[in-house]
């Protein structure tokens, strides 16, 4: 049923059908909903250490919620999910909001040029590792192995979700603002988490109404993929092209952040 809804139904009806399919007791209090390769795994791990929080360690898909197979540890626990691609699945995100109008959404971003480079390198690493889900993709689309960075930048191709349009963060945030007020959306930067993790996590737990002093001081180990990435020096021309390509989008995003959240982006 879920696959049929996903493929054949227009957005407004699709969103409504999915929200009706969600199990009533499966109330979702918050979601780490974007963006990929912006420390969402680390953020989820840290949130999960807090008492009174239930957040599965894997990326929760909508079919997991529809099936009702996710069992909370305690009835009073806040139930959160992590899926950094939800921000791109507005029909699913809208369905979650329909079912949970007070849901809080956490979004983390980074400089879009760095984001696209990192996301591309991550996908290439996954192809080299040949994991089972990659094998399934390659069986359907064997030409994915041949997609290079230049193909994404100059030929409009995609490598399993790595596309230029997904780096247009302001476009996706504006779509979300149609369904949620800014007070229910927390905006973070990967750069601030790297430079001042303690203050960033305090901000997250304050947003979730959790006492940060009660959170265990456990070190969070981020994904360590950089040793497998090609050096940026091989892509200097492409990265300069991306800086120019994303400039107007970054300007629009920064204006929106200041207008709706009072945030001044000093990172990029």
C-alpha atoms as a PDB file:
ATOM      1  CA  UNK A   1       0.000   0.000   0.000  1.00  0.00           C
ATOM      2  CA  UNK A   2       2.732   2.465   0.975  1.00  0.00           C
ATOM      3  CA  UNK A   3       4.564   1.936  -2.324  1.00  0.00           C
ATOM      4  CA  UNK A   4       1.368   2.563  -4.295  1.00  0.00           C
ATOM      5  CA  UNK A   5       0.694   5.780  -2.362  1.00  0.00           C
ATOM      6  CA  UNK A   6       4.284   6.900  -2.923  1.00  0.00           C
ATOM      7  CA  UNK A   7       4.254   6.334  -6.690  1.00  0.00           C
ATOM      8  CA  UNK A   8       0.805   7.168  -7.974  1.00  0.00           C
ATOM      9  CA  UNK A   9      -0.945   9.750  -5.800  1.00  0.00           C
ATOM     10  CA  UNK A  10      -0.657  13.579  -6.072  1.00  0.00           C
ATOM     11  CA  UNK A  11       1.027  15.425  -3.173  1.00  0.00           C
ATOM     12  CA  UNK A  12      -2.008  16.744  -1.162  1.00  0.00           C
ATOM     13  CA  UNK A  13      -3.884  13.426  -1.290  1.00  0.00           C
ATOM     14  CA  UNK A  14      -0.697  11.407  -0.760  1.00  0.00           C
ATOM     15  CA  UNK A  15       0.153  13.367   2.383  1.00  0.00           C
ATOM     16  CA  UNK A  16      -3.362  12.957   3.762  1.00  0.00           C
ATOM     17  CA  UNK A  17      -3.462   9.200   3.079  1.00  0.00           C
ATOM     18  CA  UNK A  18      -0.111   8.667   4.775  1.00  0.00           C
ATOM     19  CA  UNK A  19      -1.157  10.694   7.834  1.00  0.00           C
ATOM     20  CA  UNK A  20      -4.369   8.623   8.103  1.00  0.00           C
ATOM     21  CA  UNK A  21      -2.270   5.449   7.889  1.00  0.00           C
ATOM     22  CA  UNK A  22      -0.086   6.397  10.848  1.00  0.00           C
ATOM     23  CA  UNK A  23      -0.887   4.419  13.987  1.00  0.00           C
ATOM     24  CA  UNK A  24      -2.754   6.696  16.440  1.00  0.00           C
ATOM     25  CA  UNK A  25      -0.576   5.687  19.406  1.00  0.00           C
ATOM     26  CA  UNK A  26       2.584   6.386  17.378  1.00  0.00           C
ATOM     27  CA  UNK A  27       2.790  10.033  18.419  1.00  0.00           C
ATOM     28  CA  UNK A  28       6.019  11.656  17.224  1.00  0.00           C
ATOM     29  CA  UNK A  29       7.255  14.514  19.404  1.00  0.00           C
ATOM     30  CA  UNK A  30      10.268  15.577  17.364  1.00  0.00           C
ATOM     31  CA  UNK A  31      12.249  14.709  14.260  1.00  0.00           C
ATOM     32  CA  UNK A  32      15.842  15.293  13.201  1.00  0.00           C
ATOM     33  CA  UNK A  33      14.726  15.813   9.618  1.00  0.00           C
ATOM     34  CA  UNK A  34      17.691  17.206   7.685  1.00  0.00           C
ATOM     35  CA  UNK A  35      20.018  17.745   6.055  1.00  0.00           C
ATOM     36  CA  UNK A  36      22.129  14.694   5.062  1.00  0.00           C
ATOM     37  CA  UNK A  37      25.852  14.880   5.860  1.00  0.00           C
ATOM     38  CA  UNK A  38      25.241  17.625   8.438  1.00  0.00           C
ATOM     39  CA  UNK A  39      25.953  15.719  11.690  1.00  0.00           C
ATOM     40  CA  UNK A  40      22.406  14.371  12.073  1.00  0.00           C
ATOM     41  CA  UNK A  41      23.776  11.019  13.264  1.00  0.00           C
ATOM     42  CA  UNK A  42      25.803  12.697  16.033  1.00  0.00           C
ATOM     43  CA  UNK A  43      22.848  14.883  16.985  1.00  0.00           C
ATOM     44  CA  UNK A  44      20.581  11.846  17.205  1.00  0.00           C
ATOM     45  CA  UNK A  45      23.097   9.916  19.288  1.00  0.00           C
ATOM     46  CA  UNK A  46      23.424  12.775  21.767  1.00  0.00           C
ATOM     47  CA  UNK A  47      19.665  13.267  22.102  1.00  0.00           C
ATOM     48  CA  UNK A  48      19.210   9.533  22.688  1.00  0.00           C
ATOM     49  CA  UNK A  49      21.437   9.678  25.798  1.00  0.00           C
ATOM     50  CA  UNK A  50      18.903  11.834  27.670  1.00  0.00           C
ATOM     51  CA  UNK A  51      16.560  10.265  30.196  1.00  0.00           C
ATOM     52  CA  UNK A  52      12.964  10.328  29.041  1.00  0.00           C
ATOM     53  CA  UNK A  53      13.854  10.279  25.334  1.00  0.00           C
ATOM     54  CA  UNK A  54      13.197   7.380  22.977  1.00  0.00           C
ATOM     55  CA  UNK A  55      14.914   7.785  19.620  1.00  0.00           C
ATOM     56  CA  UNK A  56      15.714   4.699  17.495  1.00  0.00           C
ATOM     57  CA  UNK A  57      19.339   4.435  16.412  1.00  0.00           C
ATOM     58  CA  UNK A  58      18.478   3.912  12.746  1.00  0.00           C
ATOM     59  CA  UNK A  59      16.926   6.192  10.124  1.00  0.00           C
ATOM     60  CA  UNK A  60      13.192   5.826  10.632  1.00  0.00           C
ATOM     61  CA  UNK A  61      11.182   5.563   7.416  1.00  0.00           C
ATOM     62  CA  UNK A  62       7.492   6.347   7.136  1.00  0.00           C
ATOM     63  CA  UNK A  63       6.637   2.672   6.629  1.00  0.00           C
ATOM     64  CA  UNK A  64       8.188   1.949  10.051  1.00  0.00           C
ATOM     65  CA  UNK A  65       5.683   4.336  11.654  1.00  0.00           C
ATOM     66  CA  UNK A  66       2.768   3.041   9.594  1.00  0.00           C
ATOM     67  CA  UNK A  67       3.550  -0.559  10.574  1.00  0.00           C
ATOM     68  CA  UNK A  68       3.429   0.336  14.285  1.00  0.00           C
ATOM     69  CA  UNK A  69       6.393  -1.940  14.993  1.00  0.00           C
ATOM     70  CA  UNK A  70       8.427   0.721  16.799  1.00  0.00           C
ATOM     71  CA  UNK A  71       7.863   0.224  20.508  1.00  0.00           C
ATOM     72  CA  UNK A  72       8.626   3.013  22.957  1.00  0.00           C
ATOM     73  CA  UNK A  73      10.410   2.059  26.152  1.00  0.00           C
ATOM     74  CA  UNK A  74       8.065   4.074  28.339  1.00  0.00           C
ATOM     75  CA  UNK A  75       4.714   5.722  27.850  1.00  0.00           C
ATOM     76  CA  UNK A  76       5.984   9.068  29.163  1.00  0.00           C
ATOM     77  CA  UNK A  77       9.068   9.130  26.957  1.00  0.00           C
ATOM     78  CA  UNK A  78       9.364  11.758  24.263  1.00  0.00           C
ATOM     79  CA  UNK A  79       9.383   9.877  20.968  1.00  0.00           C
ATOM     80  CA  UNK A  80      11.744  11.192  18.321  1.00  0.00           C
ATOM     81  CA  UNK A  81      12.897   9.985  14.931  1.00  0.00           C
ATOM     82  CA  UNK A  82      15.952  10.685  12.806  1.00  0.00           C
ATOM     83  CA  UNK A  83      15.876  10.722   9.024  1.00  0.00           C
ATOM     84  CA  UNK A  84      17.929  13.457   7.335  1.00  0.00           C
ATOM     85  CA  UNK A  85      16.122  12.923   4.030  1.00  0.00           C
ATOM     86  CA  UNK A  86      12.697  13.782   5.448  1.00  0.00           C
ATOM     87  CA  UNK A  87      13.249  17.436   4.526  1.00  0.00           C
ATOM     88  CA  UNK A  88      13.209  16.298   0.878  1.00  0.00           C
ATOM     89  CA  UNK A  89      10.070  14.153   1.364  1.00  0.00           C
ATOM     90  CA  UNK A  90       7.568  16.911   1.996  1.00  0.00           C
ATOM     91  CA  UNK A  91       4.564  14.611   1.558  1.00  0.00           C
ATOM     92  CA  UNK A  92       5.900  12.463   4.423  1.00  0.00           C
ATOM     93  CA  UNK A  93       6.859  15.440   6.569  1.00  0.00           C
ATOM     94  CA  UNK A  94       3.455  17.029   5.980  1.00  0.00           C
ATOM     95  CA  UNK A  95       1.786  13.741   6.984  1.00  0.00           C
ATOM     96  CA  UNK A  96       3.797  13.728  10.234  1.00  0.00           C
ATOM     97  CA  UNK A  97       2.746  17.316  10.919  1.00  0.00           C
ATOM     98  CA  UNK A  98      -0.911  16.521  10.173  1.00  0.00           C
ATOM     99  CA  UNK A  99      -0.792  13.733  12.742  1.00  0.00           C
ATOM    100  CA  UNK A 100       1.430  15.636  15.198  1.00  0.00           C
ATOM    101  CA  UNK A 101       0.688  19.380  14.904  1.00  0.00           C
ATOM    102  CA  UNK A 102       3.003  20.198  17.844  1.00  0.00           C
ATOM    103  CA  UNK A 103       5.953  18.250  16.459  1.00  0.00           C
ATOM    104  CA  UNK A 104       9.364  19.933  16.698  1.00  0.00           C
ATOM    105  CA  UNK A 105      11.730  19.722  13.749  1.00  0.00           C
ATOM    106  CA  UNK A 106      15.534  19.926  13.993  1.00  0.00           C
ATOM    107  CA  UNK A 107      17.441  20.949  10.848  1.00  0.00           C
ATOM    108  CA  UNK A 108      21.218  21.075  10.552  1.00  0.00           C
ATOM    109  CA  UNK A 109      22.991  22.677   7.575  1.00  0.00           C
ATOM    110  CA  UNK A 110      26.490  23.352   6.351  1.00  0.00           C
ATOM    111  CA  UNK A 111      28.125  25.363   3.596  1.00  0.00           C
ATOM    112  CA  UNK A 112      26.403  23.923   0.493  1.00  0.00           C
ATOM    113  CA  UNK A 113      29.633  23.641  -1.516  1.00  0.00           C
ATOM    114  CA  UNK A 114      31.210  21.560   1.239  1.00  0.00           C
ATOM    115  CA  UNK A 115      27.922  19.683   1.641  1.00  0.00           C
ATOM    116  CA  UNK A 116      27.740  18.595  -2.010  1.00  0.00           C
ATOM    117  CA  UNK A 117      31.399  17.556  -2.112  1.00  0.00           C
ATOM    118  CA  UNK A 118      31.034  15.541   1.121  1.00  0.00           C
ATOM    119  CA  UNK A 119      27.763  13.922   0.049  1.00  0.00           C
ATOM    120  CA  UNK A 120      29.263  12.911  -3.303  1.00  0.00           C
ATOM    121  CA  UNK A 121      32.376  11.437  -1.665  1.00  0.00           C
ATOM    122  CA  UNK A 122      30.194   9.571   0.834  1.00  0.00           C
ATOM    123  CA  UNK A 123      28.152   7.967  -1.940  1.00  0.00           C
ATOM    124  CA  UNK A 124      31.313   6.992  -3.832  1.00  0.00           C
ATOM    125  CA  UNK A 125      32.650   5.413  -0.635  1.00  0.00           C
ATOM    126  CA  UNK A 126      29.409   3.445  -0.237  1.00  0.00           C
ATOM    127  CA  UNK A 127      29.699   2.155  -3.803  1.00  0.00           C
ATOM    128  CA  UNK A 128      33.276   1.032  -3.139  1.00  0.00           C
ATOM    129  CA  UNK A 129      32.140  -0.711   0.062  1.00  0.00           C
ATOM    130  CA  UNK A 130      29.422  -2.481  -1.958  1.00  0.00           C
ATOM    131  CA  UNK A 131      26.937  -2.743   0.915  1.00  0.00           C
ATOM    132  CA  UNK A 132      23.713  -4.784   0.335  1.00  0.00           C
ATOM    133  CA  UNK A 133      21.507  -1.734  -0.220  1.00  0.00           C
ATOM    134  CA  UNK A 134      24.033  -0.356  -2.721  1.00  0.00           C
ATOM    135  CA  UNK A 135      23.980  -3.681  -4.550  1.00  0.00           C
ATOM    136  CA  UNK A 136      20.201  -3.388  -4.870  1.00  0.00           C
ATOM    137  CA  UNK A 137      20.526   0.111  -6.346  1.00  0.00           C
ATOM    138  CA  UNK A 138      23.249  -0.943  -8.763  1.00  0.00           C
ATOM    139  CA  UNK A 139      21.217  -3.920  -9.900  1.00  0.00           C
ATOM    140  CA  UNK A 140      18.448  -1.535 -10.957  1.00  0.00           C
ATOM    141  CA  UNK A 141      20.761   1.227 -12.226  1.00  0.00           C
ATOM    142  CA  UNK A 142      24.242  -0.162 -13.023  1.00  0.00           C
ATOM    143  CA  UNK A 143      25.291   3.140 -14.634  1.00  0.00           C
ATOM    144  CA  UNK A 144      25.409   4.779 -11.186  1.00  0.00           C
ATOM    145  CA  UNK A 145      29.004   3.535 -10.919  1.00  0.00           C
ATOM    146  CA  UNK A 146      29.906   5.868 -13.768  1.00  0.00           C
ATOM    147  CA  UNK A 147      28.397   9.080 -12.324  1.00  0.00           C
ATOM    148  CA  UNK A 148      31.153  11.548 -11.537  1.00  0.00           C
ATOM    149  CA  UNK A 149      31.227  14.922  -9.782  1.00  0.00           C
ATOM    150  CA  UNK A 150      31.237  16.769 -13.122  1.00  0.00           C
ATOM    151  CA  UNK A 151      28.106  14.883 -14.199  1.00  0.00           C
ATOM    152  CA  UNK A 152      26.274  16.174 -11.138  1.00  0.00           C
ATOM    153  CA  UNK A 153      27.493  19.759 -11.541  1.00  0.00           C
ATOM    154  CA  UNK A 154      27.286  20.258 -15.286  1.00  0.00           C
ATOM    155  CA  UNK A 155      24.947  17.558 -16.642  1.00  0.00           C
ATOM    156  CA  UNK A 156      22.174  17.550 -14.021  1.00  0.00           C
ATOM    157  CA  UNK A 157      22.734  13.925 -13.030  1.00  0.00           C
ATOM    158  CA  UNK A 158      22.109  12.407  -9.596  1.00  0.00           C
ATOM    159  CA  UNK A 159      24.106   9.940  -7.561  1.00  0.00           C
ATOM    160  CA  UNK A 160      21.597   8.395  -5.154  1.00  0.00           C
ATOM    161  CA  UNK A 161      20.234  11.727  -3.991  1.00  0.00           C
ATOM    162  CA  UNK A 162      23.347  13.820  -4.559  1.00  0.00           C
ATOM    163  CA  UNK A 163      22.007  16.650  -6.740  1.00  0.00           C
ATOM    164  CA  UNK A 164      22.483  20.388  -6.993  1.00  0.00           C
ATOM    165  CA  UNK A 165      18.847  21.135  -6.169  1.00  0.00           C
ATOM    166  CA  UNK A 166      19.071  19.369  -2.814  1.00  0.00           C
ATOM    167  CA  UNK A 167      21.700  21.905  -1.761  1.00  0.00           C
ATOM    168  CA  UNK A 168      19.168  24.712  -2.193  1.00  0.00           C
ATOM    169  CA  UNK A 169      18.391  24.671   1.534  1.00  0.00           C
ATOM    170  CA  UNK A 170      16.245  27.798   1.494  1.00  0.00           C
ATOM    171  CA  UNK A 171      13.834  26.229  -0.998  1.00  0.00           C
ATOM    172  CA  UNK A 172      13.177  23.251   1.270  1.00  0.00           C
ATOM    173  CA  UNK A 173      12.938  25.349   4.448  1.00  0.00           C
ATOM    174  CA  UNK A 174      10.423  27.673   2.793  1.00  0.00           C
ATOM    175  CA  UNK A 175       8.289  24.653   1.913  1.00  0.00           C
ATOM    176  CA  UNK A 176       8.407  23.478   5.539  1.00  0.00           C
ATOM    177  CA  UNK A 177       7.391  26.941   6.768  1.00  0.00           C
ATOM    178  CA  UNK A 178       4.085  26.505   4.931  1.00  0.00           C
ATOM    179  CA  UNK A 179       3.151  23.861   7.503  1.00  0.00           C
ATOM    180  CA  UNK A 180       5.026  24.782  10.705  1.00  0.00           C
ATOM    181  CA  UNK A 181       5.825  28.060  12.473  1.00  0.00           C
ATOM    182  CA  UNK A 182       9.495  28.975  13.061  1.00  0.00           C
ATOM    183  CA  UNK A 183       9.056  28.348  16.810  1.00  0.00           C
ATOM    184  CA  UNK A 184       8.713  24.610  16.065  1.00  0.00           C
ATOM    185  CA  UNK A 185      11.821  24.469  13.878  1.00  0.00           C
ATOM    186  CA  UNK A 186      15.362  24.551  15.267  1.00  0.00           C
ATOM    187  CA  UNK A 187      18.057  25.685  12.830  1.00  0.00           C
ATOM    188  CA  UNK A 188      21.627  24.503  13.419  1.00  0.00           C
ATOM    189  CA  UNK A 189      24.911  24.697  11.535  1.00  0.00           C
ATOM    190  CA  UNK A 190      27.421  21.866  11.298  1.00  0.00           C
ATOM    191  CA  UNK A 191      30.125  24.490  11.729  1.00  0.00           C
ATOM    192  CA  UNK A 192      28.743  25.646  15.101  1.00  0.00           C
ATOM    193  CA  UNK A 193      28.512  22.045  16.297  1.00  0.00           C
ATOM    194  CA  UNK A 194      32.156  21.489  15.335  1.00  0.00           C
ATOM    195  CA  UNK A 195      33.350  24.711  16.994  1.00  0.00           C
ATOM    196  CA  UNK A 196      31.182  24.722  20.116  1.00  0.00           C
ATOM    197  CA  UNK A 197      29.437  21.377  20.635  1.00  0.00           C
ATOM    198  CA  UNK A 198      28.442  22.050  24.263  1.00  0.00           C
ATOM    199  CA  UNK A 199      26.524  25.229  23.473  1.00  0.00           C
ATOM    200  CA  UNK A 200      24.934  23.614  20.415  1.00  0.00           C
ATOM    201  CA  UNK A 201      23.680  20.628  22.394  1.00  0.00           C
ATOM    202  CA  UNK A 202      22.366  22.949  25.099  1.00  0.00           C
ATOM    203  CA  UNK A 203      20.386  24.712  22.396  1.00  0.00           C
ATOM    204  CA  UNK A 204      18.975  21.392  21.166  1.00  0.00           C
ATOM    205  CA  UNK A 205      17.883  20.207  24.608  1.00  0.00           C
ATOM    206  CA  UNK A 206      16.388  23.577  25.465  1.00  0.00           C
ATOM    207  CA  UNK A 207      14.364  23.306  22.247  1.00  0.00           C
ATOM    208  CA  UNK A 208      13.128  19.864  23.385  1.00  0.00           C
ATOM    209  CA  UNK A 209      12.426  21.124  26.940  1.00  0.00           C
ATOM    210  CA  UNK A 210      14.980  18.713  28.389  1.00  0.00           C
ATOM    211  CA  UNK A 211      17.295  19.765  31.234  1.00  0.00           C
ATOM    212  CA  UNK A 212      20.765  19.646  29.690  1.00  0.00           C
ATOM    213  CA  UNK A 213      22.437  19.243  33.100  1.00  0.00           C
ATOM    214  CA  UNK A 214      20.685  15.876  33.448  1.00  0.00           C
ATOM    215  CA  UNK A 215      22.127  14.580  30.167  1.00  0.00           C
ATOM    216  CA  UNK A 216      25.039  12.126  30.611  1.00  0.00           C
ATOM    217  CA  UNK A 217      28.378  13.558  29.518  1.00  0.00           C
ATOM    218  CA  UNK A 218      29.120  10.809  27.026  1.00  0.00           C
ATOM    219  CA  UNK A 219      31.438  11.520  24.084  1.00  0.00           C
ATOM    220  CA  UNK A 220      29.724  11.227  20.719  1.00  0.00           C
ATOM    221  CA  UNK A 221      31.742   9.681  17.922  1.00  0.00           C
ATOM    222  CA  UNK A 222      30.871  11.167  14.561  1.00  0.00           C
ATOM    223  CA  UNK A 223      31.075   9.259  11.300  1.00  0.00           C
ATOM    224  CA  UNK A 224      34.725   9.165  10.259  1.00  0.00           C
ATOM    225  CA  UNK A 225      34.713   8.956   6.482  1.00  0.00           C
ATOM    226  CA  UNK A 226      37.280  11.609   5.553  1.00  0.00           C
ATOM    227  CA  UNK A 227      40.229   9.182   5.129  1.00  0.00           C
ATOM    228  CA  UNK A 228      38.266   7.556   2.293  1.00  0.00           C
ATOM    229  CA  UNK A 229      37.487  10.845   0.514  1.00  0.00           C
ATOM    230  CA  UNK A 230      39.466  12.201  -2.407  1.00  0.00           C
ATOM    231  CA  UNK A 231      41.377  15.416  -1.604  1.00  0.00           C
ATOM    232  CA  UNK A 232      39.570  18.671  -2.375  1.00  0.00           C
ATOM    233  CA  UNK A 233      42.645  19.820  -4.295  1.00  0.00           C
ATOM    234  CA  UNK A 234      41.489  17.577  -7.157  1.00  0.00           C
ATOM    235  CA  UNK A 235      38.267  19.577  -7.444  1.00  0.00           C
ATOM    236  CA  UNK A 236      39.315  23.215  -7.090  1.00  0.00           C
ATOM    237  CA  UNK A 237      37.589  24.381 -10.301  1.00  0.00           C
ATOM    238  CA  UNK A 238      34.400  22.504  -9.465  1.00  0.00           C
ATOM    239  CA  UNK A 239      34.297  23.868  -5.920  1.00  0.00           C
ATOM    240  CA  UNK A 240      34.744  27.410  -7.226  1.00  0.00           C
ATOM    241  CA  UNK A 241      31.871  26.783  -9.638  1.00  0.00           C
ATOM    242  CA  UNK A 242      29.708  25.614  -6.711  1.00  0.00           C
ATOM    243  CA  UNK A 243      30.559  28.692  -4.653  1.00  0.00           C
ATOM    244  CA  UNK A 244      29.275  30.859  -7.503  1.00  0.00           C
ATOM    245  CA  UNK A 245      26.278  28.617  -8.148  1.00  0.00           C
ATOM    246  CA  UNK A 246      25.080  28.644  -4.541  1.00  0.00           C
ATOM    247  CA  UNK A 247      25.815  32.322  -3.785  1.00  0.00           C
ATOM    248  CA  UNK A 248      22.344  33.751  -4.453  1.00  0.00           C
ATOM    249  CA  UNK A 249      20.721  30.810  -2.632  1.00  0.00           C
ATOM    250  CA  UNK A 250      22.940  31.404   0.403  1.00  0.00           C
ATOM    251  CA  UNK A 251      22.047  35.093   0.367  1.00  0.00           C
ATOM    252  CA  UNK A 252      18.343  34.228   0.244  1.00  0.00           C
ATOM    253  CA  UNK A 253      18.744  31.660   3.001  1.00  0.00           C
ATOM    254  CA  UNK A 254      20.621  34.042   5.297  1.00  0.00           C
ATOM    255  CA  UNK A 255      17.970  36.720   4.794  1.00  0.00           C
ATOM    256  CA  UNK A 256      15.267  34.194   5.698  1.00  0.00           C
ATOM    257  CA  UNK A 257      17.135  32.998   8.800  1.00  0.00           C
ATOM    258  CA  UNK A 258      17.507  36.544  10.066  1.00  0.00           C
ATOM    259  CA  UNK A 259      13.900  37.449   9.292  1.00  0.00           C
ATOM    260  CA  UNK A 260      12.176  34.365  10.732  1.00  0.00           C
ATOM    261  CA  UNK A 261      14.586  33.239  13.484  1.00  0.00           C
ATOM    262  CA  UNK A 262      16.798  36.242  14.166  1.00  0.00           C
ATOM    263  CA  UNK A 263      19.815  34.106  13.202  1.00  0.00           C
ATOM    264  CA  UNK A 264      22.924  35.699  11.717  1.00  0.00           C
ATOM    265  CA  UNK A 265      24.934  33.134   9.809  1.00  0.00           C
ATOM    266  CA  UNK A 266      28.596  33.953  10.473  1.00  0.00           C
ATOM    267  CA  UNK A 267      29.849  30.666   9.033  1.00  0.00           C
ATOM    268  CA  UNK A 268      29.189  30.973   5.289  1.00  0.00           C
END
